[in-house]
Amino acid sequence: MAVPRPVLVFDGDCGFCTTSAGLADRWLRIPTVAPWQRLDLDALGLDEQRCSEALQWVGVDGEVLSAERAVIAALRHRGGPFIVPAWALSAVRPLAGAAYRLIARNRHRLPGGTPACKL
């Protein structure tokens, strides 16, 4: 089964990630927001290692972006008022990347996080 693109791919074993992806699904209107555990990763140009480490974005053109770049791409896709936070994150991307990595390393401690969330 082909997955409509763009696709926002998250870790379905992590409660924090699942909750965050649910918000993205409602707010950003991305055609597919799905856990990597339920997708054909090869067809998307992804692998388990990459998907377990960070959020993934597969664009309409097949471009794959990870972590904070995936967040920025998802915001840009939605457009409208979401362009402002996309622009702001792009402007401070090194800082956004550091914040993303900090959150990812500690996601098991965040609301909804479980031991399965630990990297």
PDB file of N, CA and C in Angstrom:
ATOM      1  N   MET A   1       0.839  -1.182   0.000  1.00  0.00           N
ATOM      2  CA  MET A   1       0.000   0.000   0.000  1.00  0.00           C
ATOM      3  C   MET A   1       0.886   1.250   0.000  1.00  0.00           C
ATOM      4  N   ALA A   2       0.642   2.143  -0.917  1.00  0.00           N
ATOM      5  CA  ALA A   2       1.398   3.396  -0.996  1.00  0.00           C
ATOM      6  C   ALA A   2       0.919   4.354   0.092  1.00  0.00           C
ATOM      7  N   VAL A   3       1.869   5.053   0.682  1.00  0.00           N
ATOM      8  CA  VAL A   3       1.562   6.031   1.721  1.00  0.00           C
ATOM      9  C   VAL A   3       1.557   7.409   1.069  1.00  0.00           C
ATOM     10  N   PRO A   4       0.449   8.177   1.222  1.00  0.00           N
ATOM     11  CA  PRO A   4       0.440   9.534   0.659  1.00  0.00           C
ATOM     12  C   PRO A   4       1.527  10.388   1.305  1.00  0.00           C
ATOM     13  N   ARG A   5       2.198  11.158   0.497  1.00  0.00           N
ATOM     14  CA  ARG A   5       3.247  12.042   1.006  1.00  0.00           C
ATOM     15  C   ARG A   5       2.724  13.461   1.023  1.00  0.00           C
ATOM     16  N   PRO A   6       3.216  14.300   1.875  1.00  0.00           N
ATOM     17  CA  PRO A   6       4.304  14.083   2.817  1.00  0.00           C
ATOM     18  C   PRO A   6       3.881  13.190   3.980  1.00  0.00           C
ATOM     19  N   VAL A   7       4.908  12.662   4.660  1.00  0.00           N
ATOM     20  CA  VAL A   7       4.701  11.768   5.796  1.00  0.00           C
ATOM     21  C   VAL A   7       5.523  12.281   6.978  1.00  0.00           C
ATOM     22  N   LEU A   8       4.900  12.349   8.134  1.00  0.00           N
ATOM     23  CA  LEU A   8       5.599  12.655   9.376  1.00  0.00           C
ATOM     24  C   LEU A   8       5.672  11.341  10.144  1.00  0.00           C
ATOM     25  N   VAL A   9       6.878  10.869  10.397  1.00  0.00           N
ATOM     26  CA  VAL A   9       7.105   9.545  10.979  1.00  0.00           C
ATOM     27  C   VAL A   9       7.648   9.705  12.395  1.00  0.00           C
ATOM     28  N   PHE A  10       6.989   9.055  13.353  1.00  0.00           N
ATOM     29  CA  PHE A  10       7.383   9.171  14.753  1.00  0.00           C
ATOM     30  C   PHE A  10       7.535   7.784  15.380  1.00  0.00           C
ATOM     31  N   ASP A  11       8.042   7.763  16.607  1.00  0.00           N
ATOM     32  CA  ASP A  11       8.232   6.516  17.345  1.00  0.00           C
ATOM     33  C   ASP A  11       6.942   6.175  18.082  1.00  0.00           C
ATOM     34  N   GLY A  12       6.244   5.162  17.603  1.00  0.00           N
ATOM     35  CA  GLY A  12       4.966   4.759  18.188  1.00  0.00           C
ATOM     36  C   GLY A  12       5.093   4.064  19.527  1.00  0.00           C
ATOM     37  N   ASP A  13       6.307   3.699  19.931  1.00  0.00           N
ATOM     38  CA  ASP A  13       6.503   3.085  21.248  1.00  0.00           C
ATOM     39  C   ASP A  13       6.629   4.129  22.351  1.00  0.00           C
ATOM     40  N   CYS A  14       6.723   5.378  21.975  1.00  0.00           N
ATOM     41  CA  CYS A  14       6.927   6.461  22.940  1.00  0.00           C
ATOM     42  C   CYS A  14       5.623   7.239  23.119  1.00  0.00           C
ATOM     43  N   GLY A  15       5.132   7.287  24.347  1.00  0.00           N
ATOM     44  CA  GLY A  15       3.897   8.007  24.628  1.00  0.00           C
ATOM     45  C   GLY A  15       4.014   9.495  24.360  1.00  0.00           C
ATOM     46  N   PHE A  16       5.153  10.090  24.723  1.00  0.00           N
ATOM     47  CA  PHE A  16       5.364  11.513  24.469  1.00  0.00           C
ATOM     48  C   PHE A  16       5.346  11.793  22.966  1.00  0.00           C
ATOM     49  N   CYS A  17       6.030  10.954  22.192  1.00  0.00           N
ATOM     50  CA  CYS A  17       6.072  11.130  20.732  1.00  0.00           C
ATOM     51  C   CYS A  17       4.685  10.945  20.122  1.00  0.00           C
ATOM     52  N   THR A  18       3.942   9.959  20.615  1.00  0.00           N
ATOM     53  CA  THR A  18       2.603   9.692  20.092  1.00  0.00           C
ATOM     54  C   THR A  18       1.674  10.872  20.365  1.00  0.00           C
ATOM     55  N   THR A  19       1.752  11.430  21.560  1.00  0.00           N
ATOM     56  CA  THR A  19       0.936  12.596  21.888  1.00  0.00           C
ATOM     57  C   THR A  19       1.320  13.792  21.020  1.00  0.00           C
ATOM     58  N   SER A  20       2.610  14.030  20.870  1.00  0.00           N
ATOM     59  CA  SER A  20       3.090  15.143  20.043  1.00  0.00           C
ATOM     60  C   SER A  20       2.663  14.964  18.590  1.00  0.00           C
ATOM     61  N   ALA A  21       2.760  13.738  18.087  1.00  0.00           N
ATOM     62  CA  ALA A  21       2.359  13.467  16.702  1.00  0.00           C
ATOM     63  C   ALA A  21       0.857  13.661  16.518  1.00  0.00           C
ATOM     64  N   GLY A  22       0.082  13.319  17.534  1.00  0.00           N
ATOM     65  CA  GLY A  22      -1.369  13.548  17.471  1.00  0.00           C
ATOM     66  C   GLY A  22      -1.703  15.023  17.351  1.00  0.00           C
ATOM     67  N   LEU A  23      -0.973  15.856  18.078  1.00  0.00           N
ATOM     68  CA  LEU A  23      -1.167  17.304  17.961  1.00  0.00           C
ATOM     69  C   LEU A  23      -0.788  17.786  16.565  1.00  0.00           C
ATOM     70  N   ALA A  24       0.327  17.295  16.058  1.00  0.00           N
ATOM     71  CA  ALA A  24       0.754  17.671  14.703  1.00  0.00           C
ATOM     72  C   ALA A  24      -0.282  17.242  13.675  1.00  0.00           C
ATOM     73  N   ASP A  25      -0.837  16.063  13.854  1.00  0.00           N
ATOM     74  CA  ASP A  25      -1.841  15.559  12.918  1.00  0.00           C
ATOM     75  C   ASP A  25      -3.058  16.475  12.888  1.00  0.00           C
ATOM     76  N   ARG A  26      -3.510  16.906  14.059  1.00  0.00           N
ATOM     77  CA  ARG A  26      -4.689  17.778  14.125  1.00  0.00           C
ATOM     78  C   ARG A  26      -4.406  19.184  13.614  1.00  0.00           C
ATOM     79  N   TRP A  27      -3.272  19.746  13.996  1.00  0.00           N
ATOM     80  CA  TRP A  27      -2.988  21.142  13.681  1.00  0.00           C
ATOM     81  C   TRP A  27      -2.403  21.360  12.295  1.00  0.00           C
ATOM     82  N   LEU A  28      -1.571  20.433  11.825  1.00  0.00           N
ATOM     83  CA  LEU A  28      -0.800  20.697  10.611  1.00  0.00           C
ATOM     84  C   LEU A  28      -1.383  20.077   9.346  1.00  0.00           C
ATOM     85  N   ARG A  29      -2.375  19.232   9.484  1.00  0.00           N
ATOM     86  CA  ARG A  29      -3.061  18.641   8.321  1.00  0.00           C
ATOM     87  C   ARG A  29      -2.097  17.972   7.339  1.00  0.00           C
ATOM     88  N   ILE A  30      -1.219  17.168   7.864  1.00  0.00           N
ATOM     89  CA  ILE A  30      -0.272  16.417   7.041  1.00  0.00           C
ATOM     90  C   ILE A  30      -0.993  15.164   6.561  1.00  0.00           C
ATOM     91  N   PRO A  31      -0.878  14.794   5.265  1.00  0.00           N
ATOM     92  CA  PRO A  31      -1.595  13.623   4.762  1.00  0.00           C
ATOM     93  C   PRO A  31      -1.377  12.350   5.582  1.00  0.00           C
ATOM     94  N   THR A  32      -0.144  12.098   6.004  1.00  0.00           N
ATOM     95  CA  THR A  32       0.124  10.899   6.799  1.00  0.00           C
ATOM     96  C   THR A  32       1.009  11.247   7.985  1.00  0.00           C
ATOM     97  N   VAL A  33       0.509  10.961   9.172  1.00  0.00           N
ATOM     98  CA  VAL A  33       1.289  11.044  10.410  1.00  0.00           C
ATOM     99  C   VAL A  33       1.181   9.646  11.005  1.00  0.00           C
ATOM    100  N   ALA A  34       2.311   8.925  11.053  1.00  0.00           N
ATOM    101  CA  ALA A  34       2.242   7.514  11.441  1.00  0.00           C
ATOM    102  C   ALA A  34       3.489   7.072  12.179  1.00  0.00           C
ATOM    103  N   PRO A  35       3.320   6.073  13.065  1.00  0.00           N
ATOM    104  CA  PRO A  35       4.480   5.501  13.740  1.00  0.00           C
ATOM    105  C   PRO A  35       5.304   4.681  12.755  1.00  0.00           C
ATOM    106  N   TRP A  36       6.611   4.733  12.910  1.00  0.00           N
ATOM    107  CA  TRP A  36       7.479   4.008  11.983  1.00  0.00           C
ATOM    108  C   TRP A  36       7.231   2.507  12.058  1.00  0.00           C
ATOM    109  N   GLN A  37       6.739   2.034  13.193  1.00  0.00           N
ATOM    110  CA  GLN A  37       6.519   0.599  13.356  1.00  0.00           C
ATOM    111  C   GLN A  37       5.413   0.065  12.449  1.00  0.00           C
ATOM    112  N   ARG A  38       4.599   0.937  11.872  1.00  0.00           N
ATOM    113  CA  ARG A  38       3.485   0.514  11.019  1.00  0.00           C
ATOM    114  C   ARG A  38       3.674   0.911   9.552  1.00  0.00           C
ATOM    115  N   LEU A  39       4.873   1.328   9.193  1.00  0.00           N
ATOM    116  CA  LEU A  39       5.125   1.788   7.826  1.00  0.00           C
ATOM    117  C   LEU A  39       6.128   0.895   7.106  1.00  0.00           C
ATOM    118  N   ASP A  40       6.090   0.939   5.790  1.00  0.00           N
ATOM    119  CA  ASP A  40       7.109   0.282   4.965  1.00  0.00           C
ATOM    120  C   ASP A  40       8.273   1.270   4.864  1.00  0.00           C
ATOM    121  N   LEU A  41       9.229   1.116   5.761  1.00  0.00           N
ATOM    122  CA  LEU A  41      10.338   2.078   5.842  1.00  0.00           C
ATOM    123  C   LEU A  41      11.181   2.089   4.577  1.00  0.00           C
ATOM    124  N   ASP A  42      11.408   0.925   3.979  1.00  0.00           N
ATOM    125  CA  ASP A  42      12.203   0.870   2.744  1.00  0.00           C
ATOM    126  C   ASP A  42      11.570   1.726   1.652  1.00  0.00           C
ATOM    127  N   ALA A  43      10.262   1.659   1.533  1.00  0.00           N
ATOM    128  CA  ALA A  43       9.561   2.429   0.496  1.00  0.00           C
ATOM    129  C   ALA A  43       9.696   3.931   0.725  1.00  0.00           C
ATOM    130  N   LEU A  44       9.912   4.323   1.976  1.00  0.00           N
ATOM    131  CA  LEU A  44      10.050   5.739   2.310  1.00  0.00           C
ATOM    132  C   LEU A  44      11.502   6.203   2.352  1.00  0.00           C
ATOM    133  N   GLY A  45      12.433   5.266   2.164  1.00  0.00           N
ATOM    134  CA  GLY A  45      13.848   5.625   2.225  1.00  0.00           C
ATOM    135  C   GLY A  45      14.347   5.796   3.649  1.00  0.00           C
ATOM    136  N   LEU A  46      13.712   5.088   4.589  1.00  0.00           N
ATOM    137  CA  LEU A  46      14.065   5.193   6.002  1.00  0.00           C
ATOM    138  C   LEU A  46      14.513   3.834   6.542  1.00  0.00           C
ATOM    139  N   ASP A  47      15.065   3.847   7.753  1.00  0.00           N
ATOM    140  CA  ASP A  47      15.387   2.599   8.445  1.00  0.00           C
ATOM    141  C   ASP A  47      15.035   2.737   9.924  1.00  0.00           C
ATOM    142  N   GLU A  48      14.964   1.603  10.615  1.00  0.00           N
ATOM    143  CA  GLU A  48      14.561   1.596  12.020  1.00  0.00           C
ATOM    144  C   GLU A  48      15.460   2.459  12.887  1.00  0.00           C
ATOM    145  N   GLN A  49      16.761   2.371  12.670  1.00  0.00           N
ATOM    146  CA  GLN A  49      17.712   3.140  13.487  1.00  0.00           C
ATOM    147  C   GLN A  49      17.398   4.629  13.413  1.00  0.00           C
ATOM    148  N   ARG A  50      17.278   5.129  12.200  1.00  0.00           N
ATOM    149  CA  ARG A  50      17.014   6.562  12.000  1.00  0.00           C
ATOM    150  C   ARG A  50      15.688   6.970  12.640  1.00  0.00           C
ATOM    151  N   CYS A  51      14.674   6.122  12.474  1.00  0.00           N
ATOM    152  CA  CYS A  51      13.344   6.454  12.992  1.00  0.00           C
ATOM    153  C   CYS A  51      13.266   6.360  14.507  1.00  0.00           C
ATOM    154  N   SER A  52      14.059   5.500  15.113  1.00  0.00           N
ATOM    155  CA  SER A  52      14.028   5.385  16.572  1.00  0.00           C
ATOM    156  C   SER A  52      14.790   6.529  17.235  1.00  0.00           C
ATOM    157  N   GLU A  53      15.633   7.200  16.480  1.00  0.00           N
ATOM    158  CA  GLU A  53      16.450   8.288  17.026  1.00  0.00           C
ATOM    159  C   GLU A  53      15.797   9.660  16.924  1.00  0.00           C
ATOM    160  N   ALA A  54      14.953   9.865  15.910  1.00  0.00           N
ATOM    161  CA  ALA A  54      14.389  11.206  15.707  1.00  0.00           C
ATOM    162  C   ALA A  54      13.151  11.161  14.824  1.00  0.00           C
ATOM    163  N   LEU A  55      12.362  12.205  14.934  1.00  0.00           N
ATOM    164  CA  LEU A  55      11.218  12.428  14.059  1.00  0.00           C
ATOM    165  C   LEU A  55      11.722  12.509  12.623  1.00  0.00           C
ATOM    166  N   GLN A  56      10.940  11.976  11.678  1.00  0.00           N
ATOM    167  CA  GLN A  56      11.327  11.995  10.268  1.00  0.00           C
ATOM    168  C   GLN A  56      10.231  12.651   9.440  1.00  0.00           C
ATOM    169  N   TRP A  57      10.644  13.357   8.426  1.00  0.00           N
ATOM    170  CA  TRP A  57       9.736  13.973   7.444  1.00  0.00           C
ATOM    171  C   TRP A  57      10.137  13.452   6.072  1.00  0.00           C
ATOM    172  N   VAL A  58       9.171  12.901   5.351  1.00  0.00           N
ATOM    173  CA  VAL A  58       9.409  12.498   3.971  1.00  0.00           C
ATOM    174  C   VAL A  58       8.520  13.393   3.120  1.00  0.00           C
ATOM    175  N   GLY A  59       9.164  14.284   2.376  1.00  0.00           N
ATOM    176  CA  GLY A  59       8.428  15.252   1.570  1.00  0.00           C
ATOM    177  C   GLY A  59       7.800  14.642   0.332  1.00  0.00           C
ATOM    178  N   VAL A  60       6.986  15.424  -0.331  1.00  0.00           N
ATOM    179  CA  VAL A  60       6.320  14.990  -1.553  1.00  0.00           C
ATOM    180  C   VAL A  60       7.344  14.506  -2.580  1.00  0.00           C
ATOM    181  N   ASP A  61       8.504  15.174  -2.609  1.00  0.00           N
ATOM    182  CA  ASP A  61       9.563  14.824  -3.560  1.00  0.00           C
ATOM    183  C   ASP A  61      10.460  13.696  -3.053  1.00  0.00           C
ATOM    184  N   GLY A  62      10.163  13.142  -1.873  1.00  0.00           N
ATOM    185  CA  GLY A  62      10.967  12.068  -1.307  1.00  0.00           C
ATOM    186  C   GLY A  62      12.108  12.533  -0.427  1.00  0.00           C
ATOM    187  N   GLU A  63      12.280  13.853  -0.318  1.00  0.00           N
ATOM    188  CA  GLU A  63      13.341  14.373   0.549  1.00  0.00           C
ATOM    189  C   GLU A  63      13.069  13.956   1.992  1.00  0.00           C
ATOM    190  N   VAL A  64      14.108  13.455   2.662  1.00  0.00           N
ATOM    191  CA  VAL A  64      13.986  13.015   4.054  1.00  0.00           C
ATOM    192  C   VAL A  64      14.728  13.997   4.953  1.00  0.00           C
ATOM    193  N   LEU A  65      14.020  14.482   5.959  1.00  0.00           N
ATOM    194  CA  LEU A  65      14.598  15.389   6.951  1.00  0.00           C
ATOM    195  C   LEU A  65      14.342  14.810   8.335  1.00  0.00           C
ATOM    196  N   SER A  66      15.292  15.032   9.247  1.00  0.00           N
ATOM    197  CA  SER A  66      15.192  14.471  10.599  1.00  0.00           C
ATOM    198  C   SER A  66      15.171  15.561  11.655  1.00  0.00           C
ATOM    199  N   ALA A  67      14.669  15.180  12.833  1.00  0.00           N
ATOM    200  CA  ALA A  67      14.724  15.988  14.044  1.00  0.00           C
ATOM    201  C   ALA A  67      14.112  17.375  13.829  1.00  0.00           C
ATOM    202  N   GLU A  68      14.849  18.438  14.204  1.00  0.00           N
ATOM    203  CA  GLU A  68      14.292  19.791  14.107  1.00  0.00           C
ATOM    204  C   GLU A  68      13.992  20.175  12.666  1.00  0.00           C
ATOM    205  N   ARG A  69      14.731  19.626  11.725  1.00  0.00           N
ATOM    206  CA  ARG A  69      14.446  19.921  10.308  1.00  0.00           C
ATOM    207  C   ARG A  69      13.104  19.326   9.896  1.00  0.00           C
ATOM    208  N   ALA A  70      12.750  18.182  10.483  1.00  0.00           N
ATOM    209  CA  ALA A  70      11.437  17.586  10.218  1.00  0.00           C
ATOM    210  C   ALA A  70      10.331  18.463  10.784  1.00  0.00           C
ATOM    211  N   VAL A  71      10.547  19.005  11.965  1.00  0.00           N
ATOM    212  CA  VAL A  71       9.562  19.907  12.581  1.00  0.00           C
ATOM    213  C   VAL A  71       9.368  21.138  11.702  1.00  0.00           C
ATOM    214  N   ILE A  72      10.463  21.730  11.254  1.00  0.00           N
ATOM    215  CA  ILE A  72      10.388  22.928  10.405  1.00  0.00           C
ATOM    216  C   ILE A  72       9.651  22.612   9.104  1.00  0.00           C
ATOM    217  N   ALA A  73       9.953  21.477   8.493  1.00  0.00           N
ATOM    218  CA  ALA A  73       9.286  21.089   7.240  1.00  0.00           C
ATOM    219  C   ALA A  73       7.786  20.902   7.447  1.00  0.00           C
ATOM    220  N   ALA A  74       7.404  20.296   8.564  1.00  0.00           N
ATOM    221  CA  ALA A  74       5.985  20.084   8.844  1.00  0.00           C
ATOM    222  C   ALA A  74       5.264  21.422   9.021  1.00  0.00           C
ATOM    223  N   LEU A  75       5.890  22.348   9.726  1.00  0.00           N
ATOM    224  CA  LEU A  75       5.292  23.679   9.906  1.00  0.00           C
ATOM    225  C   LEU A  75       5.176  24.416   8.572  1.00  0.00           C
ATOM    226  N   ARG A  76       6.216  24.318   7.752  1.00  0.00           N
ATOM    227  CA  ARG A  76       6.173  24.966   6.428  1.00  0.00           C
ATOM    228  C   ARG A  76       5.084  24.362   5.553  1.00  0.00           C
ATOM    229  N   HIS A  77       4.915  23.056   5.652  1.00  0.00           N
ATOM    230  CA  HIS A  77       3.887  22.379   4.856  1.00  0.00           C
ATOM    231  C   HIS A  77       2.511  22.956   5.162  1.00  0.00           C
ATOM    232  N   ARG A  78       2.237  23.185   6.424  1.00  0.00           N
ATOM    233  CA  ARG A  78       0.927  23.707   6.827  1.00  0.00           C
ATOM    234  C   ARG A  78       0.738  25.144   6.357  1.00  0.00           C
ATOM    235  N   GLY A  79       1.805  25.909   6.403  1.00  0.00           N
ATOM    236  CA  GLY A  79       1.713  27.287   5.925  1.00  0.00           C
ATOM    237  C   GLY A  79       0.897  28.168   6.856  1.00  0.00           C
ATOM    238  N   GLY A  80       0.344  29.234   6.294  1.00  0.00           N
ATOM    239  CA  GLY A  80      -0.459  30.170   7.081  1.00  0.00           C
ATOM    240  C   GLY A  80       0.326  30.683   8.272  1.00  0.00           C
ATOM    241  N   PRO A  81      -0.316  30.725   9.438  1.00  0.00           N
ATOM    242  CA  PRO A  81       0.361  31.254  10.620  1.00  0.00           C
ATOM    243  C   PRO A  81       1.524  30.363  11.091  1.00  0.00           C
ATOM    244  N   PHE A  82       1.583  29.132  10.622  1.00  0.00           N
ATOM    245  CA  PHE A  82       2.658  28.226  11.028  1.00  0.00           C
ATOM    246  C   PHE A  82       3.987  28.552  10.346  1.00  0.00           C
ATOM    247  N   ILE A  83       3.937  29.438   9.359  1.00  0.00           N
ATOM    248  CA  ILE A  83       5.172  29.880   8.703  1.00  0.00           C
ATOM    249  C   ILE A  83       6.051  30.664   9.685  1.00  0.00           C
ATOM    250  N   VAL A  84       5.413  31.395  10.598  1.00  0.00           N
ATOM    251  CA  VAL A  84       6.172  32.207  11.555  1.00  0.00           C
ATOM    252  C   VAL A  84       7.051  31.330  12.453  1.00  0.00           C
ATOM    253  N   PRO A  85       6.504  30.301  13.132  1.00  0.00           N
ATOM    254  CA  PRO A  85       7.406  29.463  13.924  1.00  0.00           C
ATOM    255  C   PRO A  85       8.402  28.692  13.057  1.00  0.00           C
ATOM    256  N   ALA A  86       8.023  28.337  11.839  1.00  0.00           N
ATOM    257  CA  ALA A  86       8.969  27.662  10.936  1.00  0.00           C
ATOM    258  C   ALA A  86      10.146  28.588  10.633  1.00  0.00           C
ATOM    259  N   TRP A  87       9.837  29.837  10.331  1.00  0.00           N
ATOM    260  CA  TRP A  87      10.886  30.819  10.060  1.00  0.00           C
ATOM    261  C   TRP A  87      11.763  31.029  11.293  1.00  0.00           C
ATOM    262  N   ALA A  88      11.124  31.167  12.465  1.00  0.00           N
ATOM    263  CA  ALA A  88      11.871  31.412  13.702  1.00  0.00           C
ATOM    264  C   ALA A  88      12.809  30.239  14.015  1.00  0.00           C
ATOM    265  N   LEU A  89      12.305  29.012  13.885  1.00  0.00           N
ATOM    266  CA  LEU A  89      13.150  27.839  14.137  1.00  0.00           C
ATOM    267  C   LEU A  89      14.289  27.751  13.134  1.00  0.00           C
ATOM    268  N   SER A  90      14.010  28.100  11.882  1.00  0.00           N
ATOM    269  CA  SER A  90      15.064  28.097  10.863  1.00  0.00           C
ATOM    270  C   SER A  90      16.147  29.117  11.193  1.00  0.00           C
ATOM    271  N   ALA A  91      15.718  30.264  11.710  1.00  0.00           N
ATOM    272  CA  ALA A  91      16.663  31.339  12.022  1.00  0.00           C
ATOM    273  C   ALA A  91      17.609  30.959  13.160  1.00  0.00           C
ATOM    274  N   VAL A  92      17.148  30.098  14.043  1.00  0.00           N
ATOM    275  CA  VAL A  92      17.974  29.667  15.184  1.00  0.00           C
ATOM    276  C   VAL A  92      18.161  28.144  15.148  1.00  0.00           C
ATOM    277  N   ARG A  93      18.321  27.598  13.938  1.00  0.00           N
ATOM    278  CA  ARG A  93      18.345  26.144  13.782  1.00  0.00           C
ATOM    279  C   ARG A  93      19.364  25.442  14.667  1.00  0.00           C
ATOM    280  N   PRO A  94      20.588  25.953  14.841  1.00  0.00           N
ATOM    281  CA  PRO A  94      21.500  25.251  15.759  1.00  0.00           C
ATOM    282  C   PRO A  94      20.932  25.146  17.184  1.00  0.00           C
ATOM    283  N   LEU A  95      20.298  26.213  17.637  1.00  0.00           N
ATOM    284  CA  LEU A  95      19.673  26.203  18.955  1.00  0.00           C
ATOM    285  C   LEU A  95      18.465  25.259  18.967  1.00  0.00           C
ATOM    286  N   ALA A  96      17.668  25.298  17.901  1.00  0.00           N
ATOM    287  CA  ALA A  96      16.514  24.398  17.794  1.00  0.00           C
ATOM    288  C   ALA A  96      16.976  22.942  17.799  1.00  0.00           C
ATOM    289  N   GLY A  97      18.085  22.668  17.126  1.00  0.00           N
ATOM    290  CA  GLY A  97      18.637  21.307  17.111  1.00  0.00           C
ATOM    291  C   GLY A  97      19.082  20.865  18.487  1.00  0.00           C
ATOM    292  N   ALA A  98      19.730  21.755  19.214  1.00  0.00           N
ATOM    293  CA  ALA A  98      20.167  21.432  20.576  1.00  0.00           C
ATOM    294  C   ALA A  98      18.957  21.171  21.474  1.00  0.00           C
ATOM    295  N   ALA A  99      17.923  21.992  21.336  1.00  0.00           N
ATOM    296  CA  ALA A  99      16.706  21.802  22.127  1.00  0.00           C
ATOM    297  C   ALA A  99      16.033  20.479  21.753  1.00  0.00           C
ATOM    298  N   TYR A 100      15.978  20.172  20.451  1.00  0.00           N
ATOM    299  CA  TYR A 100      15.377  18.904  20.013  1.00  0.00           C
ATOM    300  C   TYR A 100      16.123  17.724  20.638  1.00  0.00           C
ATOM    301  N   ARG A 101      17.455  17.746  20.578  1.00  0.00           N
ATOM    302  CA  ARG A 101      18.252  16.643  21.129  1.00  0.00           C
ATOM    303  C   ARG A 101      18.065  16.516  22.640  1.00  0.00           C
ATOM    304  N   LEU A 102      17.959  17.639  23.331  1.00  0.00           N
ATOM    305  CA  LEU A 102      17.732  17.618  24.775  1.00  0.00           C
ATOM    306  C   LEU A 102      16.384  16.960  25.088  1.00  0.00           C
ATOM    307  N   ILE A 103      15.356  17.358  24.370  1.00  0.00           N
ATOM    308  CA  ILE A 103      14.030  16.771  24.571  1.00  0.00           C
ATOM    309  C   ILE A 103      14.055  15.286  24.216  1.00  0.00           C
ATOM    310  N   ALA A 104      14.670  14.929  23.103  1.00  0.00           N
ATOM    311  CA  ALA A 104      14.720  13.524  22.673  1.00  0.00           C
ATOM    312  C   ALA A 104      15.430  12.647  23.709  1.00  0.00           C
ATOM    313  N   ARG A 105      16.521  13.146  24.269  1.00  0.00           N
ATOM    314  CA  ARG A 105      17.268  12.371  25.272  1.00  0.00           C
ATOM    315  C   ARG A 105      16.482  12.186  26.564  1.00  0.00           C
ATOM    316  N   ASN A 106      15.555  13.093  26.817  1.00  0.00           N
ATOM    317  CA  ASN A 106      14.806  13.058  28.079  1.00  0.00           C
ATOM    318  C   ASN A 106      13.325  12.768  27.900  1.00  0.00           C
ATOM    319  N   ARG A 107      12.927  12.296  26.739  1.00  0.00           N
ATOM    320  CA  ARG A 107      11.506  12.090  26.466  1.00  0.00           C
ATOM    321  C   ARG A 107      10.859  11.090  27.414  1.00  0.00           C
ATOM    322  N   HIS A 108      11.630  10.166  27.956  1.00  0.00           N
ATOM    323  CA  HIS A 108      11.075   9.207  28.920  1.00  0.00           C
ATOM    324  C   HIS A 108      10.695   9.883  30.239  1.00  0.00           C
ATOM    325  N   ARG A 109      11.203  11.091  30.469  1.00  0.00           N
ATOM    326  CA  ARG A 109      10.886  11.838  31.690  1.00  0.00           C
ATOM    327  C   ARG A 109       9.724  12.814  31.495  1.00  0.00           C
ATOM    328  N   LEU A 110       9.327  13.029  30.265  1.00  0.00           N
ATOM    329  CA  LEU A 110       8.280  14.009  29.959  1.00  0.00           C
ATOM    330  C   LEU A 110       6.881  13.400  30.101  1.00  0.00           C
ATOM    331  N   PRO A 111       5.831  14.228  30.192  1.00  0.00           N
ATOM    332  CA  PRO A 111       4.484  13.699  30.312  1.00  0.00           C
ATOM    333  C   PRO A 111       4.168  12.712  29.179  1.00  0.00           C
ATOM    334  N   GLY A 112       3.701  11.546  29.544  1.00  0.00           N
ATOM    335  CA  GLY A 112       3.385  10.503  28.565  1.00  0.00           C
ATOM    336  C   GLY A 112       4.566   9.604  28.278  1.00  0.00           C
ATOM    337  N   GLY A 113       5.740  10.003  28.738  1.00  0.00           N
ATOM    338  CA  GLY A 113       6.928   9.200  28.498  1.00  0.00           C
ATOM    339  C   GLY A 113       6.911   7.902  29.304  1.00  0.00           C
ATOM    340  N   THR A 114       7.529   6.888  28.763  1.00  0.00           N
ATOM    341  CA  THR A 114       7.635   5.583  29.417  1.00  0.00           C
ATOM    342  C   THR A 114       9.083   5.105  29.286  1.00  0.00           C
ATOM    343  N   PRO A 115       9.443   4.034  29.978  1.00  0.00           N
ATOM    344  CA  PRO A 115      10.798   3.486  29.802  1.00  0.00           C
ATOM    345  C   PRO A 115      11.106   3.136  28.341  1.00  0.00           C
ATOM    346  N   ALA A 116      10.081   2.807  27.544  1.00  0.00           N
ATOM    347  CA  ALA A 116      10.290   2.494  26.129  1.00  0.00           C
ATOM    348  C   ALA A 116      10.777   3.710  25.342  1.00  0.00           C
ATOM    349  N   CYS A 117      10.567   4.905  25.901  1.00  0.00           N
ATOM    350  CA  CYS A 117      10.976   6.137  25.234  1.00  0.00           C
ATOM    351  C   CYS A 117      12.473   6.403  25.358  1.00  0.00           C
ATOM    352  N   LYS A 118      13.133   5.719  26.273  1.00  0.00           N
ATOM    353  CA  LYS A 118      14.531   5.990  26.535  1.00  0.00           C
ATOM    354  C   LYS A 118      15.383   5.584  25.336  1.00  0.00           C
ATOM    355  N   LEU A 119      16.242   6.506  24.891  1.00  0.00           N
ATOM    356  CA  LEU A 119      17.109   6.219  23.746  1.00  0.00           C
ATOM    357  C   LEU A 119      18.299   5.417  24.176  1.00  0.00           C
TER     358      LEU A 119
END
